[in-house]
Amino acid sequence: MLEARGLIRARERSGYYVASGAHHPPPEPEIARLPPPASLTVDVSERVFSILQASFQPGTVGLGSAFPAPQHFPWNKLAQSLAACARQAQPQALLDDLSTGHSGLRRHIARRYLADGMPLHMDDVVITNGALEALNLCLSAVTRPGGAVVVESPCFYGALQALERLGLQAIEVPTHPRDGIDLQALEAAITTHQPQAIWLMSNFHNPLGSLMPAPHKQALCDMAARLQIPVIEDDVYGELYFSARRPLPIKAYDRAGWVLHCSSFSKCLAPGWRIGWVTAGRFTQGVARQKLTTSISTNAPAQAALAHYLEGVGYDKHLRQLRHILLTQRDAMAQAIAQYSHPAPAPPGQKAAT
């Protein structure tokens, strides 16, 4: 573990030694200094499509992929749950809770939030086709074409595509790789430009990886309630933490219902099944109506299978194993970066390469 984290180095037939520079990590990047924020037209879809298309070419290693490797998911257990639900399925059951989602699945999701100290009711949860549909439904429920939405800089490309599709402007606010969005710059952007919503990732930001501190989350909730602006929170990576317990999302600090919290099983359990959800506070009915008028419902057999799987005790065990694997892989990659990015020592009498 120490070697994986770059703190020691192995020498053949000699043993382990403290790595040079182990106690002096490189400085963190400073927060981006952007010009005063302004509403910008979003035009990224063509570029995103070309990049994704190139990444699917044979022989290409997708280092930018946000999904764990497929072999790390419990496909056999999920297949067993899917088969069990297929054998027991009643035709009428497929029509129950058609728009908001499978009642059993919504109950399990609400219980998991309750275990983290978030008293959500199953009726607060709307099942969606992944977190990306949840994001689009939230934007549709709280904005109108031609309006503006605050986004982090940098931010997840899917958010920009959603803004482009809905005819919305983007207001960039700088984001720090450790603390998340700059709250002072955020409030200035809100008071100056009167955006219709804020979109951000508070836990394990894509692409920076930042984790917003709890006091910042509380301050953001207070700001949203004071300024009466919806906050759309993307929390798809919330279960993939390496600390002792899951970091609470912004939604945990929301007492006035201004936070629309989006998540999914795509990154932690069932990628490709496209099962996500949103708990939208005071905007729940608006999101449910948007769901009904767009995709109507989400894959009913997949919802039932996930509800069946969550009835057992395997999910938390799977998450513990997945987090351990990802931690090991992260440390190994950090070690490789530290090892191979250093210049090779020069032969005697020669200058080292720069």
Protein backbone atom coordinates (compact mmCIF):
# COMPACT_ATOMS: atom_id res chain seq x y z
CA MET A 1 0.00 0.00 0.00
CA LEU A 2 2.82 2.41 0.84
CA GLU A 3 4.46 1.60 -2.48
CA ALA A 4 1.19 2.13 -4.37
CA ARG A 5 0.85 5.54 -2.77
CA GLY A 6 4.34 6.54 -3.85
CA LEU A 7 5.75 6.76 -0.32
CA ILE A 8 8.35 3.99 -0.66
CA ARG A 9 10.30 2.36 -3.50
CA ALA A 10 11.52 -1.22 -3.84
CA ARG A 11 15.16 -1.85 -4.72
CA GLU A 12 16.05 -5.29 -6.06
CA ARG A 13 17.86 -7.47 -3.52
CA SER A 14 18.01 -4.53 -1.15
CA GLY A 15 14.62 -3.80 0.37
CA TYR A 16 12.27 -0.82 0.57
CA TYR A 17 13.33 2.80 0.89
CA VAL A 18 11.47 6.05 1.51
CA ALA A 19 10.80 7.65 -1.87
CA SER A 20 12.49 10.94 -2.58
CA GLY A 21 9.99 13.75 -2.34
CA ALA A 22 7.48 11.54 -0.53
CA HIS A 23 6.88 14.21 2.11
CA HIS A 24 6.70 17.06 -0.40
CA PRO A 25 3.73 16.49 -2.70
CA PRO A 26 3.35 18.92 -5.60
CA PRO A 27 1.19 21.98 -4.90
CA GLU A 28 -2.49 21.81 -5.75
CA PRO A 29 -3.72 23.90 -8.68
CA GLU A 30 -5.17 27.24 -7.69
CA ILE A 31 -8.79 28.02 -8.45
CA ALA A 32 -9.35 29.25 -11.99
CA ARG A 33 -9.45 33.04 -12.34
CA LEU A 34 -12.16 33.66 -14.89
CA PRO A 35 -13.27 37.01 -16.26
CA PRO A 36 -16.54 38.37 -14.84
CA PRO A 37 -19.20 35.75 -15.64
CA ALA A 38 -21.52 36.32 -18.58
CA SER A 39 -24.26 34.27 -20.21
CA LEU A 40 -22.74 32.20 -23.00
CA THR A 41 -24.40 30.25 -25.78
CA VAL A 42 -23.58 26.53 -25.50
CA ASP A 43 -22.40 24.72 -28.64
CA VAL A 44 -20.57 21.53 -27.67
CA SER A 45 -22.57 18.56 -29.00
CA GLU A 46 -20.61 18.11 -32.23
CA ARG A 47 -17.27 18.21 -30.41
CA VAL A 48 -18.46 15.80 -27.70
CA PHE A 49 -19.79 13.39 -30.31
CA SER A 50 -16.51 13.35 -32.23
CA ILE A 51 -14.47 12.73 -29.07
CA LEU A 52 -16.74 9.90 -27.91
CA GLN A 53 -16.71 8.38 -31.38
CA ALA A 54 -12.90 8.40 -31.41
CA SER A 55 -12.74 6.80 -27.96
CA PHE A 56 -14.70 3.77 -29.22
CA GLN A 57 -12.11 2.90 -31.86
CA PRO A 58 -10.43 -0.54 -31.48
CA GLY A 59 -7.17 -0.35 -29.60
CA THR A 60 -8.07 2.88 -27.83
CA VAL A 61 -7.73 2.90 -24.05
CA GLY A 62 -10.53 4.99 -22.56
CA LEU A 63 -8.63 6.77 -19.80
CA GLY A 64 -11.39 9.37 -19.68
CA SER A 65 -14.15 6.86 -18.98
CA ALA A 66 -16.16 7.51 -15.82
CA PHE A 67 -17.27 3.86 -15.48
CA PRO A 68 -15.54 1.15 -13.46
CA ALA A 69 -14.50 -1.90 -15.45
CA PRO A 70 -17.45 -4.23 -16.25
CA GLN A 71 -15.97 -7.20 -14.38
CA HIS A 72 -16.39 -5.36 -11.08
CA PHE A 73 -20.21 -5.56 -11.12
CA PRO A 74 -22.38 -8.46 -9.79
CA TRP A 75 -23.86 -9.48 -13.14
CA ASN A 76 -24.79 -13.01 -12.01
CA LYS A 77 -26.73 -11.74 -9.00
CA LEU A 78 -28.50 -9.12 -11.11
CA ALA A 79 -29.38 -11.74 -13.73
CA GLN A 80 -30.84 -13.98 -11.02
CA SER A 81 -32.99 -11.11 -9.76
CA LEU A 82 -34.13 -10.32 -13.29
CA ALA A 83 -35.07 -13.96 -13.91
CA ALA A 84 -36.92 -14.21 -10.60
CA CYS A 85 -38.95 -11.09 -11.39
CA ALA A 86 -39.75 -12.37 -14.88
CA ARG A 87 -41.15 -15.61 -13.45
CA GLN A 88 -43.26 -13.79 -10.87
CA ALA A 89 -44.36 -10.83 -13.00
CA GLN A 90 -48.04 -9.89 -13.10
CA PRO A 91 -49.17 -7.90 -16.16
CA GLN A 92 -51.00 -5.36 -14.03
CA ALA A 93 -47.89 -4.76 -11.93
CA LEU A 94 -46.13 -3.30 -14.98
CA LEU A 95 -48.68 -0.49 -15.01
CA ASP A 96 -48.45 0.36 -11.30
CA ASP A 97 -46.66 3.63 -10.58
CA LEU A 98 -46.00 3.86 -14.30
CA SER A 99 -44.55 7.37 -14.39
CA THR A 100 -42.94 7.87 -10.98
CA GLY A 101 -41.47 4.35 -10.92
CA HIS A 102 -41.59 0.98 -9.16
CA SER A 103 -42.85 1.50 -5.62
CA GLY A 104 -40.54 -1.13 -4.14
CA LEU A 105 -37.47 0.43 -5.75
CA ARG A 106 -38.45 3.92 -4.62
CA ARG A 107 -38.94 2.56 -1.08
CA HIS A 108 -35.45 1.01 -1.06
CA ILE A 109 -33.87 4.24 -2.32
CA ALA A 110 -35.68 6.28 0.34
CA ARG A 111 -34.58 3.83 3.06
CA ARG A 112 -30.93 4.16 2.06
CA TYR A 113 -31.17 7.92 2.34
CA LEU A 114 -32.88 7.53 5.70
CA ALA A 115 -29.98 5.38 6.91
CA ASP A 116 -27.67 8.31 6.10
CA GLY A 117 -29.84 10.68 8.14
CA MET A 118 -31.91 12.08 5.27
CA PRO A 119 -35.64 11.64 6.03
CA LEU A 120 -36.98 11.19 2.49
CA HIS A 121 -40.29 9.51 1.69
CA MET A 122 -40.67 7.16 -1.27
CA ASP A 123 -43.17 9.61 -2.78
CA ASP A 124 -40.31 12.14 -3.00
CA VAL A 125 -38.49 9.86 -5.48
CA VAL A 126 -39.08 9.75 -9.25
CA ILE A 127 -37.34 6.95 -11.18
CA THR A 128 -35.63 8.06 -14.41
CA ASN A 129 -33.69 6.65 -17.35
CA GLY A 130 -30.34 7.24 -15.69
CA ALA A 131 -29.09 10.40 -14.02
CA LEU A 132 -28.82 12.23 -17.34
CA GLU A 133 -32.58 12.07 -17.85
CA ALA A 134 -32.99 13.20 -14.24
CA LEU A 135 -30.84 16.24 -15.03
CA ASN A 136 -32.84 17.03 -18.17
CA LEU A 137 -36.17 16.65 -16.35
CA CYS A 138 -35.00 18.98 -13.59
CA LEU A 139 -33.83 21.60 -16.07
CA SER A 140 -37.13 21.36 -17.94
CA ALA A 141 -39.09 21.76 -14.71
CA VAL A 142 -37.31 24.89 -13.43
CA THR A 143 -36.15 26.77 -16.55
CA ARG A 144 -37.53 28.26 -19.73
CA PRO A 145 -35.77 28.50 -23.13
CA GLY A 146 -33.55 31.53 -23.38
CA GLY A 147 -32.80 31.58 -19.65
CA ALA A 148 -29.42 31.03 -18.02
CA VAL A 149 -28.05 28.33 -15.71
CA VAL A 150 -24.94 28.55 -13.52
CA VAL A 151 -22.45 25.74 -14.20
CA GLU A 152 -19.08 24.93 -12.73
CA SER A 153 -15.92 25.61 -14.69
CA PRO A 154 -14.92 23.02 -15.73
CA CYS A 155 -18.05 20.87 -15.69
CA PHE A 156 -19.42 17.55 -16.98
CA TYR A 157 -19.99 17.73 -20.73
CA GLY A 158 -23.44 16.12 -20.38
CA ALA A 159 -24.68 19.20 -18.50
CA LEU A 160 -23.57 21.45 -21.36
CA GLN A 161 -25.31 19.20 -23.88
CA ALA A 162 -28.50 19.43 -21.83
CA LEU A 163 -28.31 23.22 -21.78
CA GLU A 164 -27.73 23.28 -25.53
CA ARG A 165 -30.69 21.00 -26.21
CA LEU A 166 -33.03 23.10 -24.07
CA GLY A 167 -31.89 26.43 -25.52
CA LEU A 168 -30.34 27.66 -22.25
CA GLN A 169 -27.36 29.93 -21.67
CA ALA A 170 -24.44 28.94 -19.41
CA ILE A 171 -22.84 31.11 -16.72
CA GLU A 172 -19.43 29.73 -15.72
CA VAL A 173 -18.31 29.96 -12.09
CA PRO A 174 -14.78 28.81 -11.12
CA THR A 175 -14.42 25.52 -9.23
CA HIS A 176 -11.55 24.42 -6.98
CA PRO A 177 -10.15 20.85 -7.21
CA ARG A 178 -10.58 20.38 -3.45
CA ASP A 179 -13.43 22.59 -2.25
CA GLY A 180 -15.72 22.71 -5.28
CA ILE A 181 -17.54 25.75 -6.60
CA ASP A 182 -16.43 29.21 -5.43
CA LEU A 183 -19.39 30.33 -3.28
CA GLN A 184 -18.46 34.01 -3.34
CA ALA A 185 -18.25 34.04 -7.14
CA LEU A 186 -21.47 32.01 -7.27
CA GLU A 187 -23.46 34.56 -5.28
CA ALA A 188 -22.05 37.38 -7.40
CA ALA A 189 -23.12 35.57 -10.57
CA ILE A 190 -26.63 34.99 -9.20
CA THR A 191 -27.21 38.58 -8.12
CA THR A 192 -25.77 39.97 -11.36
CA HIS A 193 -27.34 37.70 -13.97
CA GLN A 194 -30.47 36.31 -12.28
CA PRO A 195 -30.07 32.73 -13.58
CA GLN A 196 -32.96 30.29 -13.42
CA ALA A 197 -30.98 27.46 -11.77
CA ILE A 198 -27.60 26.18 -10.60
CA TRP A 199 -26.18 22.84 -11.77
CA LEU A 200 -23.23 21.26 -9.94
CA MET A 201 -21.58 18.12 -8.56
CA SER A 202 -20.77 18.37 -4.87
CA ASN A 203 -19.34 14.85 -4.32
CA PHE A 204 -16.38 13.71 -6.48
CA HIS A 205 -16.76 16.26 -9.22
CA ASN A 206 -16.27 15.19 -12.83
CA PRO A 207 -13.65 16.04 -14.06
CA LEU A 208 -11.81 17.61 -11.06
CA GLY A 209 -12.70 15.05 -8.38
CA SER A 210 -13.39 17.73 -5.77
CA LEU A 211 -15.44 17.01 -2.65
CA MET A 212 -17.29 20.05 -1.35
CA PRO A 213 -16.81 20.42 2.45
CA ALA A 214 -19.94 20.08 4.58
CA PRO A 215 -19.92 23.75 5.70
CA HIS A 216 -19.89 24.80 2.03
CA LYS A 217 -22.87 22.55 1.32
CA GLN A 218 -24.78 24.11 4.20
CA ALA A 219 -23.85 27.61 3.03
CA LEU A 220 -24.98 26.78 -0.51
CA CYS A 221 -28.36 25.56 0.77
CA ASP A 222 -28.76 28.73 2.81
CA MET A 223 -27.89 30.82 -0.25
CA ALA A 224 -30.38 28.94 -2.44
CA ALA A 225 -33.19 29.47 0.08
CA ARG A 226 -32.31 33.13 0.58
CA LEU A 227 -32.11 33.87 -3.15
CA GLN A 228 -34.87 31.37 -4.04
CA ILE A 229 -32.95 29.63 -6.81
CA PRO A 230 -33.15 25.89 -7.62
CA VAL A 231 -29.96 23.85 -7.19
CA ILE A 232 -29.69 20.75 -9.41
CA GLU A 233 -27.24 18.35 -7.75
CA ASP A 234 -25.64 15.48 -9.69
CA ASP A 235 -24.53 12.84 -7.14
CA VAL A 236 -23.82 9.78 -9.30
CA TYR A 237 -20.46 9.11 -7.60
CA GLY A 238 -21.67 9.48 -4.01
CA GLU A 239 -21.33 5.75 -3.19
CA LEU A 240 -17.72 5.57 -4.45
CA TYR A 241 -16.05 7.14 -1.44
CA PHE A 242 -12.81 6.01 0.23
CA SER A 243 -13.42 7.48 3.68
CA ALA A 244 -15.15 5.85 6.65
CA ARG A 245 -18.64 6.89 5.57
CA ARG A 246 -20.47 8.31 2.59
CA PRO A 247 -20.23 12.10 2.28
CA LEU A 248 -23.67 13.63 2.53
CA PRO A 249 -25.00 15.38 -0.56
CA ILE A 250 -26.19 18.98 -0.60
CA LYS A 251 -29.73 17.61 -0.37
CA ALA A 252 -29.04 16.51 3.22
CA TYR A 253 -28.81 20.18 4.25
CA ASP A 254 -31.89 21.30 2.30
CA ARG A 255 -34.75 22.35 4.56
CA ALA A 256 -36.65 24.57 2.12
CA GLY A 257 -36.90 22.20 -0.86
CA TRP A 258 -34.75 24.16 -3.33
CA VAL A 259 -32.37 21.24 -4.09
CA LEU A 260 -33.20 18.78 -6.88
CA HIS A 261 -30.99 15.78 -6.15
CA CYS A 262 -30.13 13.39 -9.03
CA SER A 263 -28.37 10.02 -8.83
CA SER A 264 -28.32 6.56 -10.42
CA PHE A 265 -27.09 2.96 -10.21
CA SER A 266 -25.02 3.34 -13.38
CA LYS A 267 -21.64 4.01 -11.72
CA CYS A 268 -21.93 1.68 -8.74
CA LEU A 269 -24.13 -1.33 -9.61
CA ALA A 270 -25.78 -1.68 -13.03
CA PRO A 271 -24.27 0.35 -15.89
CA GLY A 272 -26.31 -0.01 -19.04
CA TRP A 273 -29.56 -0.62 -17.17
CA ARG A 274 -30.17 3.14 -17.17
CA ILE A 275 -31.92 3.33 -13.79
CA GLY A 276 -31.60 6.67 -12.03
CA TRP A 277 -33.75 8.84 -9.85
CA VAL A 278 -34.41 12.37 -8.67
CA THR A 279 -35.75 13.72 -5.41
CA ALA A 280 -36.81 17.23 -6.27
CA GLY A 281 -38.21 18.84 -3.12
CA ARG A 282 -40.79 21.51 -3.93
CA PHE A 283 -40.38 20.69 -7.65
CA THR A 284 -41.33 16.99 -7.40
CA GLN A 285 -44.70 17.36 -9.13
CA GLY A 286 -43.16 19.42 -11.91
CA VAL A 287 -40.48 16.79 -12.50
CA ALA A 288 -43.10 14.01 -12.47
CA ARG A 289 -45.14 15.85 -15.09
CA GLN A 290 -42.04 16.31 -17.26
CA LYS A 291 -41.35 12.58 -16.96
CA LEU A 292 -44.90 11.74 -18.04
CA THR A 293 -44.75 13.99 -21.10
CA THR A 294 -41.30 12.88 -22.30
CA SER A 295 -40.44 9.21 -21.72
CA ILE A 296 -43.60 8.23 -19.75
CA SER A 297 -41.80 5.54 -17.75
CA THR A 298 -38.52 3.74 -17.11
CA ASN A 299 -37.75 0.09 -17.94
CA ALA A 300 -40.17 -1.76 -15.64
CA PRO A 301 -38.43 -5.20 -15.54
CA ALA A 302 -35.08 -3.58 -14.72
CA GLN A 303 -36.69 -1.57 -11.91
CA ALA A 304 -38.31 -4.70 -10.47
CA ALA A 305 -35.03 -6.63 -10.70
CA LEU A 306 -33.11 -3.91 -8.87
CA ALA A 307 -35.79 -3.78 -6.16
CA HIS A 308 -35.49 -7.58 -5.80
CA TYR A 309 -31.68 -7.37 -5.59
CA LEU A 310 -31.81 -4.62 -2.95
CA GLU A 311 -34.02 -6.79 -0.73
CA GLY A 312 -30.97 -8.94 -0.01
CA VAL A 313 -27.76 -8.05 1.78
CA GLY A 314 -25.44 -8.17 -1.21
CA TYR A 315 -25.49 -4.53 -2.27
CA ASP A 316 -23.45 -3.09 0.59
CA LYS A 317 -20.98 -5.97 0.35
CA HIS A 318 -20.60 -5.28 -3.37
CA LEU A 319 -20.05 -1.56 -2.69
CA ARG A 320 -17.34 -2.31 -0.10
CA GLN A 321 -15.53 -4.55 -2.58
CA LEU A 322 -15.90 -2.05 -5.41
CA ARG A 323 -14.56 0.82 -3.30
CA HIS A 324 -11.54 -1.27 -2.27
CA ILE A 325 -10.81 -2.14 -5.91
CA LEU A 326 -11.11 1.47 -7.02
CA LEU A 327 -8.90 2.69 -4.17
CA THR A 328 -6.22 0.17 -5.11
CA GLN A 329 -6.42 1.16 -8.77
CA ARG A 330 -6.25 4.85 -7.94
CA ASP A 331 -3.15 4.39 -5.82
CA ALA A 332 -1.49 2.24 -8.48
CA MET A 333 -2.18 4.88 -11.12
CA ALA A 334 -0.84 7.65 -8.87
CA GLN A 335 2.31 5.59 -8.34
CA ALA A 336 2.73 5.06 -12.08
CA ILE A 337 2.29 8.77 -12.78
CA ALA A 338 4.87 9.66 -10.14
CA GLN A 339 7.29 6.98 -11.38
CA TYR A 340 7.10 7.55 -15.12
CA SER A 341 6.70 11.32 -15.18
CA HIS A 342 10.08 11.87 -13.46
CA PRO A 343 13.02 12.34 -15.84
CA ALA A 344 15.37 9.36 -16.05
CA PRO A 345 18.73 9.85 -14.32
CA ALA A 346 21.43 10.92 -16.76
CA PRO A 347 24.52 8.77 -17.31
CA PRO A 348 27.67 10.05 -15.60
CA GLY A 349 29.04 13.14 -17.34
CA GLN A 350 25.76 14.01 -19.10
CA LYS A 351 23.04 16.48 -18.21
CA ALA A 352 19.64 15.14 -17.30
CA ALA A 353 16.95 15.56 -19.93
CA THR A 354 14.48 18.36 -19.23
